[in-house]
PDB file of N, CA and C in Angstrom:
ATOM      1  N   UNK A   1      57.269 -13.609 -62.847  1.00  0.00           N
ATOM      2  CA  UNK A   1      58.626 -12.646 -62.451  1.00  0.00           C
ATOM      3  C   UNK A   1      58.793 -11.947 -63.612  1.00  0.00           C
ATOM      4  N   UNK A   2      58.774 -13.126 -64.695  1.00  0.00           N
ATOM      5  CA  UNK A   2      59.349 -12.093 -65.767  1.00  0.00           C
ATOM      6  C   UNK A   2      58.235 -11.439 -66.227  1.00  0.00           C
ATOM      7  N   UNK A   3      56.514 -11.842 -65.671  1.00  0.00           N
ATOM      8  CA  UNK A   3      55.901 -10.520 -66.302  1.00  0.00           C
ATOM      9  C   UNK A   3      55.526  -8.901 -65.790  1.00  0.00           C
ATOM     10  N   UNK A   4      56.260  -9.490 -64.452  1.00  0.00           N
ATOM     11  CA  UNK A   4      56.029  -8.438 -63.836  1.00  0.00           C
ATOM     12  C   UNK A   4      57.326  -7.039 -64.629  1.00  0.00           C
ATOM     13  N   UNK A   5      58.669  -8.244 -65.238  1.00  0.00           N
ATOM     14  CA  UNK A   5      59.664  -7.338 -65.296  1.00  0.00           C
ATOM     15  C   UNK A   5      59.384  -6.532 -66.730  1.00  0.00           C
ATOM     16  N   UNK A   6      58.370  -7.546 -67.564  1.00  0.00           N
ATOM     17  CA  UNK A   6      57.749  -6.598 -69.113  1.00  0.00           C
ATOM     18  C   UNK A   6      56.778  -5.363 -68.408  1.00  0.00           C
ATOM     19  N   UNK A   7      55.906  -5.809 -67.861  1.00  0.00           N
ATOM     20  CA  UNK A   7      54.720  -4.706 -67.247  1.00  0.00           C
ATOM     21  C   UNK A   7      55.623  -3.812 -66.881  1.00  0.00           C
ATOM     22  N   UNK A   8      56.822  -3.390 -66.342  1.00  0.00           N
ATOM     23  CA  UNK A   8      57.597  -2.584 -65.994  1.00  0.00           C
ATOM     24  C   UNK A   8      58.411  -1.964 -66.973  1.00  0.00           C
ATOM     25  N   UNK A   9      58.894  -2.245 -67.387  1.00  0.00           N
ATOM     26  CA  UNK A   9      60.280  -2.052 -68.678  1.00  0.00           C
ATOM     27  C   UNK A   9      59.406  -1.521 -70.034  1.00  0.00           C
ATOM     28  N   UNK A  10      59.174  -2.784 -70.580  1.00  0.00           N
ATOM     29  CA  UNK A  10      58.576  -2.488 -72.157  1.00  0.00           C
ATOM     30  C   UNK A  10      57.653  -1.209 -72.320  1.00  0.00           C
ATOM     31  N   UNK A  11      56.404  -1.005 -71.460  1.00  0.00           N
ATOM     32  CA  UNK A  11      55.841   0.126 -72.173  1.00  0.00           C
ATOM     33  C   UNK A  11      56.411   1.586 -71.669  1.00  0.00           C
ATOM     34  N   UNK A  12      57.400   1.660 -71.002  1.00  0.00           N
ATOM     35  CA  UNK A  12      57.772   2.783 -70.960  1.00  0.00           C
ATOM     36  C   UNK A  12      58.422   3.271 -71.981  1.00  0.00           C
ATOM     37  N   UNK A  13      59.337   1.818 -72.747  1.00  0.00           N
ATOM     38  CA  UNK A  13      59.932   1.997 -74.062  1.00  0.00           C
ATOM     39  C   UNK A  13      59.406   1.834 -74.936  1.00  0.00           C
ATOM     40  N   UNK A  14      58.624   1.256 -74.795  1.00  0.00           N
ATOM     41  CA  UNK A  14      57.531   1.218 -76.313  1.00  0.00           C
ATOM     42  C   UNK A  14      57.033   2.670 -76.566  1.00  0.00           C
ATOM     43  N   UNK A  15      56.702   3.349 -75.370  1.00  0.00           N
ATOM     44  CA  UNK A  15      55.976   5.093 -75.423  1.00  0.00           C
ATOM     45  C   UNK A  15      56.868   5.630 -76.093  1.00  0.00           C
ATOM     46  N   UNK A  16      57.969   5.763 -75.748  1.00  0.00           N
ATOM     47  CA  UNK A  16      59.536   6.267 -76.358  1.00  0.00           C
ATOM     48  C   UNK A  16      59.317   6.292 -77.926  1.00  0.00           C
ATOM     49  N   UNK A  17      59.418   4.788 -77.838  1.00  0.00           N
ATOM     50  CA  UNK A  17      59.993   4.737 -79.572  1.00  0.00           C
ATOM     51  C   UNK A  17      58.559   5.171 -80.503  1.00  0.00           C
ATOM     52  N   UNK A  18      57.687   5.256 -79.839  1.00  0.00           N
ATOM     53  CA  UNK A  18      56.308   5.263 -80.652  1.00  0.00           C
ATOM     54  C   UNK A  18      56.376   6.791 -80.592  1.00  0.00           C
ATOM     55  N   UNK A  19      56.742   7.536 -80.021  1.00  0.00           N
ATOM     56  CA  UNK A  19      56.739   9.088 -79.733  1.00  0.00           C
ATOM     57  C   UNK A  19      57.799   9.338 -80.683  1.00  0.00           C
ATOM     58  N   UNK A  20      58.823   8.817 -81.251  1.00  0.00           N
ATOM     59  CA  UNK A  20      59.881   8.937 -81.855  1.00  0.00           C
ATOM     60  C   UNK A  20      59.530   8.604 -83.709  1.00  0.00           C
ATOM     61  N   UNK A  21      58.430   7.897 -83.583  1.00  0.00           N
ATOM     62  CA  UNK A  21      58.111   7.622 -84.976  1.00  0.00           C
ATOM     63  C   UNK A  21      57.135   8.372 -85.477  1.00  0.00           C
ATOM     64  N   UNK A  22      55.692   8.405 -84.317  1.00  0.00           N
ATOM     65  CA  UNK A  22      54.844   9.262 -84.639  1.00  0.00           C
ATOM     66  C   UNK A  22      54.723  10.528 -84.690  1.00  0.00           C
ATOM     67  N   UNK A  23      55.548  11.107 -83.541  1.00  0.00           N
ATOM     68  CA  UNK A  23      55.800  12.901 -83.174  1.00  0.00           C
ATOM     69  C   UNK A  23      54.720  13.389 -82.551  1.00  0.00           C
ATOM     70  N   UNK A  24      54.332  12.338 -82.124  1.00  0.00           N
ATOM     71  CA  UNK A  24      52.921  12.511 -81.057  1.00  0.00           C
ATOM     72  C   UNK A  24      53.106  11.709 -79.890  1.00  0.00           C
ATOM     73  N   UNK A  25      53.032  12.212 -78.332  1.00  0.00           N
ATOM     74  CA  UNK A  25      52.760  11.535 -77.423  1.00  0.00           C
ATOM     75  C   UNK A  25      51.668  10.858 -76.980  1.00  0.00           C
ATOM     76  N   UNK A  26      50.674  11.645 -77.554  1.00  0.00           N
ATOM     77  CA  UNK A  26      49.181  10.765 -76.930  1.00  0.00           C
ATOM     78  C   UNK A  26      48.785   9.780 -77.484  1.00  0.00           C
ATOM     79  N   UNK A  27      49.119   9.821 -79.047  1.00  0.00           N
ATOM     80  CA  UNK A  27      49.017   8.623 -80.032  1.00  0.00           C
ATOM     81  C   UNK A  27      49.996   7.375 -79.724  1.00  0.00           C
ATOM     82  N   UNK A  28      51.180   7.558 -79.263  1.00  0.00           N
ATOM     83  CA  UNK A  28      52.250   6.527 -78.651  1.00  0.00           C
ATOM     84  C   UNK A  28      51.527   5.916 -77.434  1.00  0.00           C
ATOM     85  N   UNK A  29      50.909   6.963 -76.730  1.00  0.00           N
ATOM     86  CA  UNK A  29      50.448   6.416 -75.638  1.00  0.00           C
ATOM     87  C   UNK A  29      49.492   5.275 -75.900  1.00  0.00           C
ATOM     88  N   UNK A  30      48.730   5.879 -76.552  1.00  0.00           N
ATOM     89  CA  UNK A  30      47.006   4.964 -76.817  1.00  0.00           C
ATOM     90  C   UNK A  30      47.984   3.398 -77.236  1.00  0.00           C
ATOM     91  N   UNK A  31      48.686   3.541 -78.834  1.00  0.00           N
ATOM     92  CA  UNK A  31      49.494   2.668 -79.268  1.00  0.00           C
ATOM     93  C   UNK A  31      50.007   1.832 -78.381  1.00  0.00           C
ATOM     94  N   UNK A  32      50.890   2.140 -77.082  1.00  0.00           N
ATOM     95  CA  UNK A  32      51.438   1.140 -76.263  1.00  0.00           C
ATOM     96  C   UNK A  32      50.010   0.687 -75.556  1.00  0.00           C
ATOM     97  N   UNK A  33      49.139   1.412 -74.992  1.00  0.00           N
ATOM     98  CA  UNK A  33      47.930   0.588 -74.351  1.00  0.00           C
ATOM     99  C   UNK A  33      47.498  -0.559 -75.175  1.00  0.00           C
ATOM    100  N   UNK A  34      47.701  -0.428 -76.303  1.00  0.00           N
ATOM    101  CA  UNK A  34      46.513  -1.072 -76.938  1.00  0.00           C
ATOM    102  C   UNK A  34      47.465  -2.459 -77.319  1.00  0.00           C
ATOM    103  N   UNK A  35      48.892  -2.446 -77.606  1.00  0.00           N
ATOM    104  CA  UNK A  35      49.982  -3.022 -77.830  1.00  0.00           C
ATOM    105  C   UNK A  35      49.829  -4.255 -76.536  1.00  0.00           C
ATOM    106  N   UNK A  36      49.999  -3.480 -75.612  1.00  0.00           N
ATOM    107  CA  UNK A  36      50.317  -4.457 -74.047  1.00  0.00           C
ATOM    108  C   UNK A  36      49.297  -5.140 -73.820  1.00  0.00           C
ATOM    109  N   UNK A  37      47.968  -4.367 -74.346  1.00  0.00           N
ATOM    110  CA  UNK A  37      46.715  -5.064 -74.437  1.00  0.00           C
ATOM    111  C   UNK A  37      46.854  -6.518 -74.417  1.00  0.00           C
ATOM    112  N   UNK A  38      47.209  -6.362 -76.165  1.00  0.00           N
ATOM    113  CA  UNK A  38      47.532  -7.529 -77.330  1.00  0.00           C
ATOM    114  C   UNK A  38      48.173  -8.448 -76.761  1.00  0.00           C
ATOM    115  N   UNK A  39      49.395  -8.005 -76.187  1.00  0.00           N
ATOM    116  CA  UNK A  39      50.437  -8.906 -75.504  1.00  0.00           C
ATOM    117  C   UNK A  39      49.890  -9.580 -74.443  1.00  0.00           C
ATOM    118  N   UNK A  40      49.402  -9.182 -73.593  1.00  0.00           N
ATOM    119  CA  UNK A  40      49.272  -9.549 -72.333  1.00  0.00           C
ATOM    120  C   UNK A  40      47.400 -10.494 -72.522  1.00  0.00           C
ATOM    121  N   UNK A  41      46.827 -10.488 -73.592  1.00  0.00           N
ATOM    122  CA  UNK A  41      45.958 -11.048 -73.666  1.00  0.00           C
ATOM    123  C   UNK A  41      44.852 -10.580 -72.810  1.00  0.00           C
ATOM    124  N   UNK A  42      44.623  -9.020 -73.032  1.00  0.00           N
ATOM    125  CA  UNK A  42      43.043  -8.752 -72.674  1.00  0.00           C
ATOM    126  C   UNK A  42      43.408  -8.482 -70.794  1.00  0.00           C
ATOM    127  N   UNK A  43      42.149  -8.482 -70.391  1.00  0.00           N
ATOM    128  CA  UNK A  43      41.926  -8.424 -68.981  1.00  0.00           C
ATOM    129  C   UNK A  43      41.863  -9.909 -68.412  1.00  0.00           C
ATOM    130  N   UNK A  44      42.827 -10.893 -68.814  1.00  0.00           N
ATOM    131  CA  UNK A  44      42.841 -12.075 -68.200  1.00  0.00           C
ATOM    132  C   UNK A  44      43.678 -12.068 -67.016  1.00  0.00           C
ATOM    133  N   UNK A  45      44.535 -10.886 -66.775  1.00  0.00           N
ATOM    134  CA  UNK A  45      46.037 -10.915 -65.956  1.00  0.00           C
ATOM    135  C   UNK A  45      45.334 -10.451 -64.706  1.00  0.00           C
ATOM    136  N   UNK A  46      46.235 -10.719 -63.571  1.00  0.00           N
ATOM    137  CA  UNK A  46      45.967  -9.881 -62.508  1.00  0.00           C
ATOM    138  C   UNK A  46      46.285  -8.344 -62.071  1.00  0.00           C
ATOM    139  N   UNK A  47      45.540  -8.448 -61.653  1.00  0.00           N
ATOM    140  CA  UNK A  47      45.588  -6.291 -61.529  1.00  0.00           C
ATOM    141  C   UNK A  47      46.333  -5.699 -61.373  1.00  0.00           C
ATOM    142  N   UNK A  48      47.699  -6.304 -60.700  1.00  0.00           N
ATOM    143  CA  UNK A  48      49.049  -5.873 -60.221  1.00  0.00           C
ATOM    144  C   UNK A  48      49.467  -5.425 -61.615  1.00  0.00           C
ATOM    145  N   UNK A  49      49.777  -6.483 -62.538  1.00  0.00           N
ATOM    146  CA  UNK A  49      50.423  -6.804 -64.031  1.00  0.00           C
ATOM    147  C   UNK A  49      49.611  -5.342 -64.654  1.00  0.00           C
ATOM    148  N   UNK A  50      48.375  -5.517 -65.181  1.00  0.00           N
ATOM    149  CA  UNK A  50      47.776  -4.101 -65.976  1.00  0.00           C
ATOM    150  C   UNK A  50      47.910  -2.832 -64.962  1.00  0.00           C
ATOM    151  N   UNK A  51      48.117  -2.786 -63.901  1.00  0.00           N
ATOM    152  CA  UNK A  51      48.388  -1.470 -63.167  1.00  0.00           C
ATOM    153  C   UNK A  51      49.692  -0.976 -63.279  1.00  0.00           C
ATOM    154  N   UNK A  52      50.564  -2.276 -63.584  1.00  0.00           N
ATOM    155  CA  UNK A  52      52.270  -1.867 -63.461  1.00  0.00           C
ATOM    156  C   UNK A  52      52.452  -1.272 -65.166  1.00  0.00           C
ATOM    157  N   UNK A  53      51.596  -2.039 -65.468  1.00  0.00           N
ATOM    158  CA  UNK A  53      51.680  -1.334 -67.116  1.00  0.00           C
ATOM    159  C   UNK A  53      51.273  -0.509 -67.404  1.00  0.00           C
ATOM    160  N   UNK A  54      50.573   0.093 -66.816  1.00  0.00           N
ATOM    161  CA  UNK A  54      49.536   1.538 -67.008  1.00  0.00           C
ATOM    162  C   UNK A  54      50.731   2.416 -66.436  1.00  0.00           C
ATOM    163  N   UNK A  55      51.212   2.214 -65.166  1.00  0.00           N
ATOM    164  CA  UNK A  55      52.349   3.071 -64.660  1.00  0.00           C
ATOM    165  C   UNK A  55      53.499   3.245 -65.379  1.00  0.00           C
ATOM    166  N   UNK A  56      53.872   2.058 -66.217  1.00  0.00           N
ATOM    167  CA  UNK A  56      55.072   2.402 -66.813  1.00  0.00           C
ATOM    168  C   UNK A  56      54.867   2.990 -68.084  1.00  0.00           C
ATOM    169  N   UNK A  57      53.242   3.069 -68.724  1.00  0.00           N
ATOM    170  CA  UNK A  57      53.386   3.824 -70.058  1.00  0.00           C
ATOM    171  C   UNK A  57      53.527   5.346 -70.068  1.00  0.00           C
ATOM    172  N   UNK A  58      53.087   5.991 -68.343  1.00  0.00           N
ATOM    173  CA  UNK A  58      52.155   7.019 -67.710  1.00  0.00           C
ATOM    174  C   UNK A  58      53.918   7.675 -68.001  1.00  0.00           C
ATOM    175  N   UNK A  59      55.009   6.669 -67.085  1.00  0.00           N
ATOM    176  CA  UNK A  59      56.366   6.953 -67.004  1.00  0.00           C
ATOM    177  C   UNK A  59      56.902   7.213 -68.436  1.00  0.00           C
ATOM    178  N   UNK A  60      56.758   6.310 -69.527  1.00  0.00           N
ATOM    179  CA  UNK A  60      57.268   6.391 -70.926  1.00  0.00           C
ATOM    180  C   UNK A  60      56.603   7.977 -71.159  1.00  0.00           C
ATOM    181  N   UNK A  61      55.262   8.109 -71.247  1.00  0.00           N
ATOM    182  CA  UNK A  61      54.509   9.106 -71.703  1.00  0.00           C
ATOM    183  C   UNK A  61      55.337  10.527 -70.952  1.00  0.00           C
ATOM    184  N   UNK A  62      55.955  10.539 -69.469  1.00  0.00           N
ATOM    185  CA  UNK A  62      56.222  11.533 -69.370  1.00  0.00           C
ATOM    186  C   UNK A  62      58.021  11.788 -69.546  1.00  0.00           C
ATOM    187  N   UNK A  63      58.307  10.496 -70.064  1.00  0.00           N
ATOM    188  CA  UNK A  63      59.771  10.981 -70.613  1.00  0.00           C
ATOM    189  C   UNK A  63      59.799  11.099 -71.790  1.00  0.00           C
ATOM    190  N   UNK A  64      58.709  10.801 -72.876  1.00  0.00           N
ATOM    191  CA  UNK A  64      58.618  11.284 -74.088  1.00  0.00           C
ATOM    192  C   UNK A  64      57.882  12.834 -74.443  1.00  0.00           C
ATOM    193  N   UNK A  65      57.343  13.479 -73.516  1.00  0.00           N
ATOM    194  CA  UNK A  65      57.389  14.467 -73.147  1.00  0.00           C
ATOM    195  C   UNK A  65      58.278  15.287 -73.059  1.00  0.00           C
ATOM    196  N   UNK A  66      59.328  15.146 -71.815  1.00  0.00           N
ATOM    197  CA  UNK A  66      60.323  15.274 -71.438  1.00  0.00           C
ATOM    198  C   UNK A  66      61.385  15.348 -72.699  1.00  0.00           C
ATOM    199  N   UNK A  67      61.704  14.572 -73.926  1.00  0.00           N
ATOM    200  CA  UNK A  67      62.342  14.565 -74.311  1.00  0.00           C
ATOM    201  C   UNK A  67      62.193  15.370 -75.499  1.00  0.00           C
ATOM    202  N   UNK A  68      60.637  15.633 -75.809  1.00  0.00           N
ATOM    203  CA  UNK A  68      59.938  16.204 -77.130  1.00  0.00           C
ATOM    204  C   UNK A  68      60.543  17.715 -76.731  1.00  0.00           C
ATOM    205  N   UNK A  69      60.230  18.314 -75.511  1.00  0.00           N
ATOM    206  CA  UNK A  69      61.019  19.594 -75.179  1.00  0.00           C
ATOM    207  C   UNK A  69      62.460  19.741 -75.725  1.00  0.00           C
ATOM    208  N   UNK A  70      63.142  19.317 -74.927  1.00  0.00           N
ATOM    209  CA  UNK A  70      64.357  18.944 -75.273  1.00  0.00           C
ATOM    210  C   UNK A  70      65.033  19.508 -76.384  1.00  0.00           C
ATOM    211  N   UNK A  71      64.352  18.460 -77.356  1.00  0.00           N
ATOM    212  CA  UNK A  71      64.766  18.308 -78.984  1.00  0.00           C
ATOM    213  C   UNK A  71      63.747  19.809 -79.500  1.00  0.00           C
ATOM    214  N   UNK A  72      63.181  20.508 -78.695  1.00  0.00           N
ATOM    215  CA  UNK A  72      62.052  21.432 -79.447  1.00  0.00           C
ATOM    216  C   UNK A  72      63.325  22.902 -79.216  1.00  0.00           C
ATOM    217  N   UNK A  73      63.770  22.513 -78.168  1.00  0.00           N
ATOM    218  CA  UNK A  73      64.869  23.503 -77.823  1.00  0.00           C
ATOM    219  C   UNK A  73      66.247  23.841 -78.599  1.00  0.00           C
ATOM    220  N   UNK A  74      66.344  22.341 -78.975  1.00  0.00           N
ATOM    221  CA  UNK A  74      67.539  22.251 -79.686  1.00  0.00           C
ATOM    222  C   UNK A  74      67.382  22.972 -81.316  1.00  0.00           C
ATOM    223  N   UNK A  75      66.326  22.520 -81.904  1.00  0.00           N
ATOM    224  CA  UNK A  75      65.766  22.931 -82.953  1.00  0.00           C
ATOM    225  C   UNK A  75      65.855  24.616 -83.052  1.00  0.00           C
ATOM    226  N   UNK A  76      65.737  25.309 -82.064  1.00  0.00           N
ATOM    227  CA  UNK A  76      65.355  26.760 -81.734  1.00  0.00           C
ATOM    228  C   UNK A  76      66.788  27.285 -81.938  1.00  0.00           C
TER     229      UNK A  76
END
């Protein structure tokens, strides 16, 4: 149960945080997937955990793109 919650929440949060640090959504998405791969120990876990992690990272990518657009509008 804890692994499912981690797979659902952590990648989205990490993607947004990495975007704030690197100022690049693609770099943050790649770093998040690499980080979660290291946390989960590669491909040794069930496929549903891997898919949930990727889905959460995609949601985080969407949220970080959205916040970057809002920040660019505020800067103008």
